Amino acid sequence: HGRVEPALVIGLGAAAETDLAARPS
């Protein structure tokens, strides 16, 4: 039911926009 400790999904610090090449599509 989507219940998860918020700290597990918020605060990852991934800066995903800087490593697009590592995200195949």
mmCIF file of all heavy atoms, coordinates in Angstrom:
data_MODEL
# 
_entry.id   MODEL 
# 
loop_
_atom_site.group_PDB 
_atom_site.id 
_atom_site.type_symbol 
_atom_site.label_atom_id 
_atom_site.label_alt_id 
_atom_site.label_comp_id 
_atom_site.label_asym_id 
_atom_site.label_entity_id 
_atom_site.label_seq_id 
_atom_site.pdbx_PDB_ins_code 
_atom_site.Cartn_x 
_atom_site.Cartn_y 
_atom_site.Cartn_z 
_atom_site.occupancy 
_atom_site.B_iso_or_equiv 
_atom_site.pdbx_formal_charge 
_atom_site.auth_seq_id 
_atom_site.auth_comp_id 
_atom_site.auth_asym_id 
_atom_site.auth_atom_id 
_atom_site.pdbx_PDB_model_num 
ATOM 1   N N   . HIS A 1 1  ? 0.823  -1.212 0.000   1.00 0.00 ? 1  HIS A N   1 
ATOM 2   C CA  . HIS A 1 1  ? 0.000  0.000  0.000   1.00 0.00 ? 1  HIS A CA  1 
ATOM 3   C C   . HIS A 1 1  ? 0.860  1.266  0.000   1.00 0.00 ? 1  HIS A C   1 
ATOM 4   O O   . HIS A 1 1  ? 0.453  2.302  0.540   1.00 0.00 ? 1  HIS A O   1 
ATOM 5   C CB  . HIS A 1 1  ? -0.950 0.013  1.197   1.00 0.00 ? 1  HIS A CB  1 
ATOM 6   C CG  . HIS A 1 1  ? -1.802 -1.220 1.303   1.00 0.00 ? 1  HIS A CG  1 
ATOM 7   N ND1 . HIS A 1 1  ? -2.860 -1.474 0.441   1.00 0.00 ? 1  HIS A ND1 1 
ATOM 8   C CD2 . HIS A 1 1  ? -1.719 -2.296 2.130   1.00 0.00 ? 1  HIS A CD2 1 
ATOM 9   C CE1 . HIS A 1 1  ? -3.404 -2.637 0.761   1.00 0.00 ? 1  HIS A CE1 1 
ATOM 10  N NE2 . HIS A 1 1  ? -2.731 -3.162 1.763   1.00 0.00 ? 1  HIS A NE2 1 
ATOM 11  N N   . GLY A 1 2  ? 2.053  1.193  -0.602  1.00 0.00 ? 2  GLY A N   1 
ATOM 12  C CA  . GLY A 1 2  ? 2.913  2.357  -0.713  1.00 0.00 ? 2  GLY A CA  1 
ATOM 13  C C   . GLY A 1 2  ? 3.505  2.827  0.595   1.00 0.00 ? 2  GLY A C   1 
ATOM 14  O O   . GLY A 1 2  ? 4.127  3.905  0.645   1.00 0.00 ? 2  GLY A O   1 
ATOM 15  N N   . ARG A 1 3  ? 3.362  2.050  1.657   1.00 0.00 ? 3  ARG A N   1 
ATOM 16  C CA  . ARG A 1 3  ? 3.862  2.480  2.963   1.00 0.00 ? 3  ARG A CA  1 
ATOM 17  C C   . ARG A 1 3  ? 5.335  2.120  3.095   1.00 0.00 ? 3  ARG A C   1 
ATOM 18  O O   . ARG A 1 3  ? 5.701  0.944  3.136   1.00 0.00 ? 3  ARG A O   1 
ATOM 19  C CB  . ARG A 1 3  ? 3.055  1.831  4.085   1.00 0.00 ? 3  ARG A CB  1 
ATOM 20  C CG  . ARG A 1 3  ? 1.583  2.216  4.067   1.00 0.00 ? 3  ARG A CG  1 
ATOM 21  C CD  . ARG A 1 3  ? 0.883  1.760  5.341   1.00 0.00 ? 3  ARG A CD  1 
ATOM 22  N NE  . ARG A 1 3  ? -0.564 1.920  5.240   1.00 0.00 ? 3  ARG A NE  1 
ATOM 23  C CZ  . ARG A 1 3  ? -1.417 0.922  5.058   1.00 0.00 ? 3  ARG A CZ  1 
ATOM 24  N NH1 . ARG A 1 3  ? -0.962 -0.323 4.969   1.00 0.00 ? 3  ARG A NH1 1 
ATOM 25  N NH2 . ARG A 1 3  ? -2.705 1.150  4.969   1.00 0.00 ? 3  ARG A NH2 1 
ATOM 26  N N   . VAL A 1 4  ? 6.148  3.145  3.148   1.00 0.00 ? 4  VAL A N   1 
ATOM 27  C CA  . VAL A 1 4  ? 7.581  2.950  3.247   1.00 0.00 ? 4  VAL A CA  1 
ATOM 28  C C   . VAL A 1 4  ? 8.150  4.104  4.063   1.00 0.00 ? 4  VAL A C   1 
ATOM 29  O O   . VAL A 1 4  ? 7.590  5.204  4.083   1.00 0.00 ? 4  VAL A O   1 
ATOM 30  C CB  . VAL A 1 4  ? 8.220  2.911  1.830   1.00 0.00 ? 4  VAL A CB  1 
ATOM 31  C CG1 . VAL A 1 4  ? 8.032  4.238  1.106   1.00 0.00 ? 4  VAL A CG1 1 
ATOM 32  C CG2 . VAL A 1 4  ? 9.685  2.539  1.882   1.00 0.00 ? 4  VAL A CG2 1 
ATOM 33  N N   . GLU A 1 5  ? 9.231  3.859  4.773   1.00 0.00 ? 5  GLU A N   1 
ATOM 34  C CA  . GLU A 1 5  ? 9.876  4.924  5.530   1.00 0.00 ? 5  GLU A CA  1 
ATOM 35  C C   . GLU A 1 5  ? 10.301 6.027  4.550   1.00 0.00 ? 5  GLU A C   1 
ATOM 36  O O   . GLU A 1 5  ? 11.054 5.782  3.608   1.00 0.00 ? 5  GLU A O   1 
ATOM 37  C CB  . GLU A 1 5  ? 11.093 4.370  6.264   1.00 0.00 ? 5  GLU A CB  1 
ATOM 38  C CG  . GLU A 1 5  ? 11.952 5.420  6.951   1.00 0.00 ? 5  GLU A CG  1 
ATOM 39  C CD  . GLU A 1 5  ? 11.164 6.244  7.962   1.00 0.00 ? 5  GLU A CD  1 
ATOM 40  O OE1 . GLU A 1 5  ? 10.393 5.642  8.735   1.00 0.00 ? 5  GLU A OE1 1 
ATOM 41  O OE2 . GLU A 1 5  ? 11.326 7.480  7.952   1.00 0.00 ? 5  GLU A OE2 1 
ATOM 42  N N   . PRO A 1 6  ? 9.794  7.281  4.717   1.00 0.00 ? 6  PRO A N   1 
ATOM 43  C CA  . PRO A 1 6  ? 10.098 8.341  3.759   1.00 0.00 ? 6  PRO A CA  1 
ATOM 44  C C   . PRO A 1 6  ? 11.588 8.541  3.508   1.00 0.00 ? 6  PRO A C   1 
ATOM 45  O O   . PRO A 1 6  ? 11.999 8.870  2.388   1.00 0.00 ? 6  PRO A O   1 
ATOM 46  C CB  . PRO A 1 6  ? 9.468  9.583  4.404   1.00 0.00 ? 6  PRO A CB  1 
ATOM 47  C CG  . PRO A 1 6  ? 8.317  9.044  5.187   1.00 0.00 ? 6  PRO A CG  1 
ATOM 48  C CD  . PRO A 1 6  ? 8.810  7.720  5.732   1.00 0.00 ? 6  PRO A CD  1 
ATOM 49  N N   . ALA A 1 7  ? 12.409 8.328  4.528   1.00 0.00 ? 7  ALA A N   1 
ATOM 50  C CA  . ALA A 1 7  ? 13.850 8.529  4.357   1.00 0.00 ? 7  ALA A CA  1 
ATOM 51  C C   . ALA A 1 7  ? 14.457 7.569  3.338   1.00 0.00 ? 7  ALA A C   1 
ATOM 52  O O   . ALA A 1 7  ? 15.548 7.819  2.815   1.00 0.00 ? 7  ALA A O   1 
ATOM 53  C CB  . ALA A 1 7  ? 14.561 8.368  5.704   1.00 0.00 ? 7  ALA A CB  1 
ATOM 54  N N   . LEU A 1 8  ? 13.750 6.480  3.029   1.00 0.00 ? 8  LEU A N   1 
ATOM 55  C CA  . LEU A 1 8  ? 14.269 5.540  2.039   1.00 0.00 ? 8  LEU A CA  1 
ATOM 56  C C   . LEU A 1 8  ? 14.080 6.033  0.615   1.00 0.00 ? 8  LEU A C   1 
ATOM 57  O O   . LEU A 1 8  ? 14.789 5.594  -0.299  1.00 0.00 ? 8  LEU A O   1 
ATOM 58  C CB  . LEU A 1 8  ? 13.587 4.177  2.202   1.00 0.00 ? 8  LEU A CB  1 
ATOM 59  C CG  . LEU A 1 8  ? 13.902 3.402  3.479   1.00 0.00 ? 8  LEU A CG  1 
ATOM 60  C CD1 . LEU A 1 8  ? 13.082 2.117  3.534   1.00 0.00 ? 8  LEU A CD1 1 
ATOM 61  C CD2 . LEU A 1 8  ? 15.383 3.075  3.550   1.00 0.00 ? 8  LEU A CD2 1 
ATOM 62  N N   . VAL A 1 9  ? 13.106 6.939  0.396   1.00 0.00 ? 9  VAL A N   1 
ATOM 63  C CA  . VAL A 1 9  ? 12.834 7.401  -0.964  1.00 0.00 ? 9  VAL A CA  1 
ATOM 64  C C   . VAL A 1 9  ? 13.091 8.892  -1.160  1.00 0.00 ? 9  VAL A C   1 
ATOM 65  O O   . VAL A 1 9  ? 13.233 9.352  -2.295  1.00 0.00 ? 9  VAL A O   1 
ATOM 66  C CB  . VAL A 1 9  ? 11.384 7.075  -1.385  1.00 0.00 ? 9  VAL A CB  1 
ATOM 67  C CG1 . VAL A 1 9  ? 11.170 5.583  -1.425  1.00 0.00 ? 9  VAL A CG1 1 
ATOM 68  C CG2 . VAL A 1 9  ? 10.369 7.722  -0.457  1.00 0.00 ? 9  VAL A CG2 1 
ATOM 69  N N   . ILE A 1 10 ? 13.130 9.657  -0.075  1.00 0.00 ? 10 ILE A N   1 
ATOM 70  C CA  . ILE A 1 10 ? 13.425 11.086 -0.146  1.00 0.00 ? 10 ILE A CA  1 
ATOM 71  C C   . ILE A 1 10 ? 14.779 11.333 0.508   1.00 0.00 ? 10 ILE A C   1 
ATOM 72  O O   . ILE A 1 10 ? 15.023 10.891 1.622   1.00 0.00 ? 10 ILE A O   1 
ATOM 73  C CB  . ILE A 1 10 ? 12.329 11.905 0.563   1.00 0.00 ? 10 ILE A CB  1 
ATOM 74  C CG1 . ILE A 1 10 ? 11.023 11.839 -0.221  1.00 0.00 ? 10 ILE A CG1 1 
ATOM 75  C CG2 . ILE A 1 10 ? 12.758 13.348 0.743   1.00 0.00 ? 10 ILE A CG2 1 
ATOM 76  C CD1 . ILE A 1 10 ? 9.884  12.610 0.409   1.00 0.00 ? 10 ILE A CD1 1 
ATOM 77  N N   . GLY A 1 11 ? 15.638 12.035 -0.203  1.00 0.00 ? 11 GLY A N   1 
ATOM 78  C CA  . GLY A 1 11 ? 16.978 12.297 0.323   1.00 0.00 ? 11 GLY A CA  1 
ATOM 79  C C   . GLY A 1 11 ? 18.030 11.383 -0.262  1.00 0.00 ? 11 GLY A C   1 
ATOM 80  O O   . GLY A 1 11 ? 19.073 11.148 0.349   1.00 0.00 ? 11 GLY A O   1 
ATOM 81  N N   . LEU A 1 12 ? 17.792 10.885 -1.485  1.00 0.00 ? 12 LEU A N   1 
ATOM 82  C CA  . LEU A 1 12 ? 18.762 9.989  -2.129  1.00 0.00 ? 12 LEU A CA  1 
ATOM 83  C C   . LEU A 1 12 ? 19.980 10.743 -2.645  1.00 0.00 ? 12 LEU A C   1 
ATOM 84  O O   . LEU A 1 12 ? 21.052 10.164 -2.789  1.00 0.00 ? 12 LEU A O   1 
ATOM 85  C CB  . LEU A 1 12 ? 18.085 9.231  -3.281  1.00 0.00 ? 12 LEU A CB  1 
ATOM 86  C CG  . LEU A 1 12 ? 16.907 8.323  -2.910  1.00 0.00 ? 12 LEU A CG  1 
ATOM 87  C CD1 . LEU A 1 12 ? 16.347 7.648  -4.166  1.00 0.00 ? 12 LEU A CD1 1 
ATOM 88  C CD2 . LEU A 1 12 ? 17.327 7.273  -1.889  1.00 0.00 ? 12 LEU A CD2 1 
ATOM 89  N N   . GLY A 1 13 ? 19.803 12.021 -2.952  1.00 0.00 ? 13 GLY A N   1 
ATOM 90  C CA  . GLY A 1 13 ? 20.930 12.831 -3.415  1.00 0.00 ? 13 GLY A CA  1 
ATOM 91  C C   . GLY A 1 13 ? 21.538 12.343 -4.709  1.00 0.00 ? 13 GLY A C   1 
ATOM 92  O O   . GLY A 1 13 ? 22.754 12.467 -4.927  1.00 0.00 ? 13 GLY A O   1 
ATOM 93  N N   . ALA A 1 14 ? 20.726 11.813 -5.601  1.00 0.00 ? 14 ALA A N   1 
ATOM 94  C CA  . ALA A 1 14 ? 21.249 11.173 -6.816  1.00 0.00 ? 14 ALA A CA  1 
ATOM 95  C C   . ALA A 1 14 ? 21.727 12.159 -7.871  1.00 0.00 ? 14 ALA A C   1 
ATOM 96  O O   . ALA A 1 14 ? 22.591 11.818 -8.683  1.00 0.00 ? 14 ALA A O   1 
ATOM 97  C CB  . ALA A 1 14 ? 20.174 10.275 -7.421  1.00 0.00 ? 14 ALA A CB  1 
ATOM 98  N N   . ALA A 1 15 ? 21.177 13.386 -7.884  1.00 0.00 ? 15 ALA A N   1 
ATOM 99  C CA  . ALA A 1 15 ? 21.481 14.337 -8.966  1.00 0.00 ? 15 ALA A CA  1 
ATOM 100 C C   . ALA A 1 15 ? 21.386 13.622 -10.320 1.00 0.00 ? 15 ALA A C   1 
ATOM 101 O O   . ALA A 1 15 ? 22.308 13.645 -11.137 1.00 0.00 ? 15 ALA A O   1 
ATOM 102 C CB  . ALA A 1 15 ? 22.847 14.970 -8.773  1.00 0.00 ? 15 ALA A CB  1 
ATOM 103 N N   . ALA A 1 16 ? 20.266 12.978 -10.537 1.00 0.00 ? 16 ALA A N   1 
ATOM 104 C CA  . ALA A 1 16 ? 20.098 12.081 -11.687 1.00 0.00 ? 16 ALA A CA  1 
ATOM 105 C C   . ALA A 1 16 ? 20.310 12.772 -13.024 1.00 0.00 ? 16 ALA A C   1 
ATOM 106 O O   . ALA A 1 16 ? 20.720 12.134 -14.000 1.00 0.00 ? 16 ALA A O   1 
ATOM 107 C CB  . ALA A 1 16 ? 18.708 11.449 -11.651 1.00 0.00 ? 16 ALA A CB  1 
ATOM 108 N N   . GLU A 1 17 ? 20.062 14.077 -13.071 1.00 0.00 ? 17 GLU A N   1 
ATOM 109 C CA  . GLU A 1 17 ? 20.215 14.792 -14.339 1.00 0.00 ? 17 GLU A CA  1 
ATOM 110 C C   . GLU A 1 17 ? 21.671 14.855 -14.809 1.00 0.00 ? 17 GLU A C   1 
ATOM 111 O O   . GLU A 1 17 ? 21.936 15.169 -15.970 1.00 0.00 ? 17 GLU A O   1 
ATOM 112 C CB  . GLU A 1 17 ? 19.634 16.215 -14.221 1.00 0.00 ? 17 GLU A CB  1 
ATOM 113 C CG  . GLU A 1 17 ? 20.436 17.186 -13.356 1.00 0.00 ? 17 GLU A CG  1 
ATOM 114 C CD  . GLU A 1 17 ? 20.116 17.086 -11.856 1.00 0.00 ? 17 GLU A CD  1 
ATOM 115 O OE1 . GLU A 1 17 ? 19.448 16.111 -11.452 1.00 0.00 ? 17 GLU A OE1 1 
ATOM 116 O OE2 . GLU A 1 17 ? 20.549 17.982 -11.107 1.00 0.00 ? 17 GLU A OE2 1 
ATOM 117 N N   . THR A 1 18 ? 22.605 14.529 -13.909 1.00 0.00 ? 18 THR A N   1 
ATOM 118 C CA  . THR A 1 18 ? 24.020 14.598 -14.274 1.00 0.00 ? 18 THR A CA  1 
ATOM 119 C C   . THR A 1 18 ? 24.570 13.278 -14.795 1.00 0.00 ? 18 THR A C   1 
ATOM 120 O O   . THR A 1 18 ? 25.734 13.226 -15.217 1.00 0.00 ? 18 THR A O   1 
ATOM 121 C CB  . THR A 1 18 ? 24.857 15.040 -13.057 1.00 0.00 ? 18 THR A CB  1 
ATOM 122 O OG1 . THR A 1 18 ? 24.795 14.016 -12.038 1.00 0.00 ? 18 THR A OG1 1 
ATOM 123 C CG2 . THR A 1 18 ? 24.350 16.356 -12.498 1.00 0.00 ? 18 THR A CG2 1 
ATOM 124 N N   . ASP A 1 19 ? 23.780 12.201 -14.754 1.00 0.00 ? 19 ASP A N   1 
ATOM 125 C CA  . ASP A 1 19 ? 24.303 10.909 -15.233 1.00 0.00 ? 19 ASP A CA  1 
ATOM 126 C C   . ASP A 1 19 ? 23.307 10.206 -16.149 1.00 0.00 ? 19 ASP A C   1 
ATOM 127 O O   . ASP A 1 19 ? 23.049 9.008  -16.024 1.00 0.00 ? 19 ASP A O   1 
ATOM 128 C CB  . ASP A 1 19 ? 24.724 10.013 -14.067 1.00 0.00 ? 19 ASP A CB  1 
ATOM 129 C CG  . ASP A 1 19 ? 23.537 9.455  -13.274 1.00 0.00 ? 19 ASP A CG  1 
ATOM 130 O OD1 . ASP A 1 19 ? 22.446 10.034 -13.367 1.00 0.00 ? 19 ASP A OD1 1 
ATOM 131 O OD2 . ASP A 1 19 ? 23.719 8.438  -12.592 1.00 0.00 ? 19 ASP A OD2 1 
ATOM 132 N N   . LEU A 1 20 ? 22.770 10.954 -17.101 1.00 0.00 ? 20 LEU A N   1 
ATOM 133 C CA  . LEU A 1 20 ? 21.786 10.396 -18.031 1.00 0.00 ? 20 LEU A CA  1 
ATOM 134 C C   . LEU A 1 20 ? 22.346 9.214  -18.812 1.00 0.00 ? 20 LEU A C   1 
ATOM 135 O O   . LEU A 1 20 ? 21.614 8.283  -19.157 1.00 0.00 ? 20 LEU A O   1 
ATOM 136 C CB  . LEU A 1 20 ? 21.318 11.481 -18.996 1.00 0.00 ? 20 LEU A CB  1 
ATOM 137 C CG  . LEU A 1 20 ? 20.386 12.552 -18.396 1.00 0.00 ? 20 LEU A CG  1 
ATOM 138 C CD1 . LEU A 1 20 ? 20.165 13.666 -19.399 1.00 0.00 ? 20 LEU A CD1 1 
ATOM 139 C CD2 . LEU A 1 20 ? 19.066 11.937 -17.983 1.00 0.00 ? 20 LEU A CD2 1 
ATOM 140 N N   . ALA A 1 21 ? 23.626 9.224  -19.110 1.00 0.00 ? 21 ALA A N   1 
ATOM 141 C CA  . ALA A 1 21 ? 24.224 8.153  -19.909 1.00 0.00 ? 21 ALA A CA  1 
ATOM 142 C C   . ALA A 1 21 ? 24.148 6.806  -19.204 1.00 0.00 ? 21 ALA A C   1 
ATOM 143 O O   . ALA A 1 21 ? 24.188 5.754  -19.852 1.00 0.00 ? 21 ALA A O   1 
ATOM 144 C CB  . ALA A 1 21 ? 25.674 8.490  -20.234 1.00 0.00 ? 21 ALA A CB  1 
ATOM 145 N N   . ALA A 1 22 ? 24.021 6.836  -17.884 1.00 0.00 ? 22 ALA A N   1 
ATOM 146 C CA  . ALA A 1 22 ? 23.966 5.590  -17.112 1.00 0.00 ? 22 ALA A CA  1 
ATOM 147 C C   . ALA A 1 22 ? 22.544 5.059  -16.987 1.00 0.00 ? 22 ALA A C   1 
ATOM 148 O O   . ALA A 1 22 ? 22.321 4.074  -16.278 1.00 0.00 ? 22 ALA A O   1 
ATOM 149 C CB  . ALA A 1 22 ? 24.556 5.810  -15.718 1.00 0.00 ? 22 ALA A CB  1 
ATOM 150 N N   . ARG A 1 23 ? 21.590 5.701  -17.684 1.00 0.00 ? 23 ARG A N   1 
ATOM 151 C CA  . ARG A 1 23 ? 20.182 5.323  -17.585 1.00 0.00 ? 23 ARG A CA  1 
ATOM 152 C C   . ARG A 1 23 ? 19.684 4.950  -18.984 1.00 0.00 ? 23 ARG A C   1 
ATOM 153 O O   . ARG A 1 23 ? 19.120 5.786  -19.688 1.00 0.00 ? 23 ARG A O   1 
ATOM 154 C CB  . ARG A 1 23 ? 19.372 6.475  -16.984 1.00 0.00 ? 23 ARG A CB  1 
ATOM 155 C CG  . ARG A 1 23 ? 19.866 6.834  -15.580 1.00 0.00 ? 23 ARG A CG  1 
ATOM 156 C CD  . ARG A 1 23 ? 19.298 8.161  -15.078 1.00 0.00 ? 23 ARG A CD  1 
ATOM 157 N NE  . ARG A 1 23 ? 20.003 8.556  -13.877 1.00 0.00 ? 23 ARG A NE  1 
ATOM 158 C CZ  . ARG A 1 23 ? 19.622 8.265  -12.624 1.00 0.00 ? 23 ARG A CZ  1 
ATOM 159 N NH1 . ARG A 1 23 ? 18.497 7.593  -12.431 1.00 0.00 ? 23 ARG A NH1 1 
ATOM 160 N NH2 . ARG A 1 23 ? 20.329 8.646  -11.592 1.00 0.00 ? 23 ARG A NH2 1 
ATOM 161 N N   . PRO A 1 24 ? 19.912 3.704  -19.408 1.00 0.00 ? 24 PRO A N   1 
ATOM 162 C CA  . PRO A 1 24 ? 19.554 3.300  -20.768 1.00 0.00 ? 24 PRO A CA  1 
ATOM 163 C C   . PRO A 1 24 ? 18.053 3.338  -20.997 1.00 0.00 ? 24 PRO A C   1 
ATOM 164 O O   . PRO A 1 24 ? 17.254 3.239  -20.070 1.00 0.00 ? 24 PRO A O   1 
ATOM 165 C CB  . PRO A 1 24 ? 20.096 1.865  -20.864 1.00 0.00 ? 24 PRO A CB  1 
ATOM 166 C CG  . PRO A 1 24 ? 20.147 1.386  -19.448 1.00 0.00 ? 24 PRO A CG  1 
ATOM 167 C CD  . PRO A 1 24 ? 20.490 2.589  -18.624 1.00 0.00 ? 24 PRO A CD  1 
ATOM 168 N N   . SER A 1 25 ? 17.667 3.493  -22.263 1.00 0.00 ? 25 SER A N   1 
ATOM 169 C CA  . SER A 1 25 ? 16.256 3.593  -22.615 1.00 0.00 ? 25 SER A CA  1 
ATOM 170 C C   . SER A 1 25 ? 16.026 3.032  -23.994 1.00 0.00 ? 25 SER A C   1 
ATOM 171 O O   . SER A 1 25 ? 16.900 3.096  -24.863 1.00 0.00 ? 25 SER A O   1 
ATOM 172 C CB  . SER A 1 25 ? 15.813 5.066  -22.575 1.00 0.00 ? 25 SER A CB  1 
ATOM 173 O OG  . SER A 1 25 ? 14.516 5.215  -23.111 1.00 0.00 ? 25 SER A OG  1 
# 
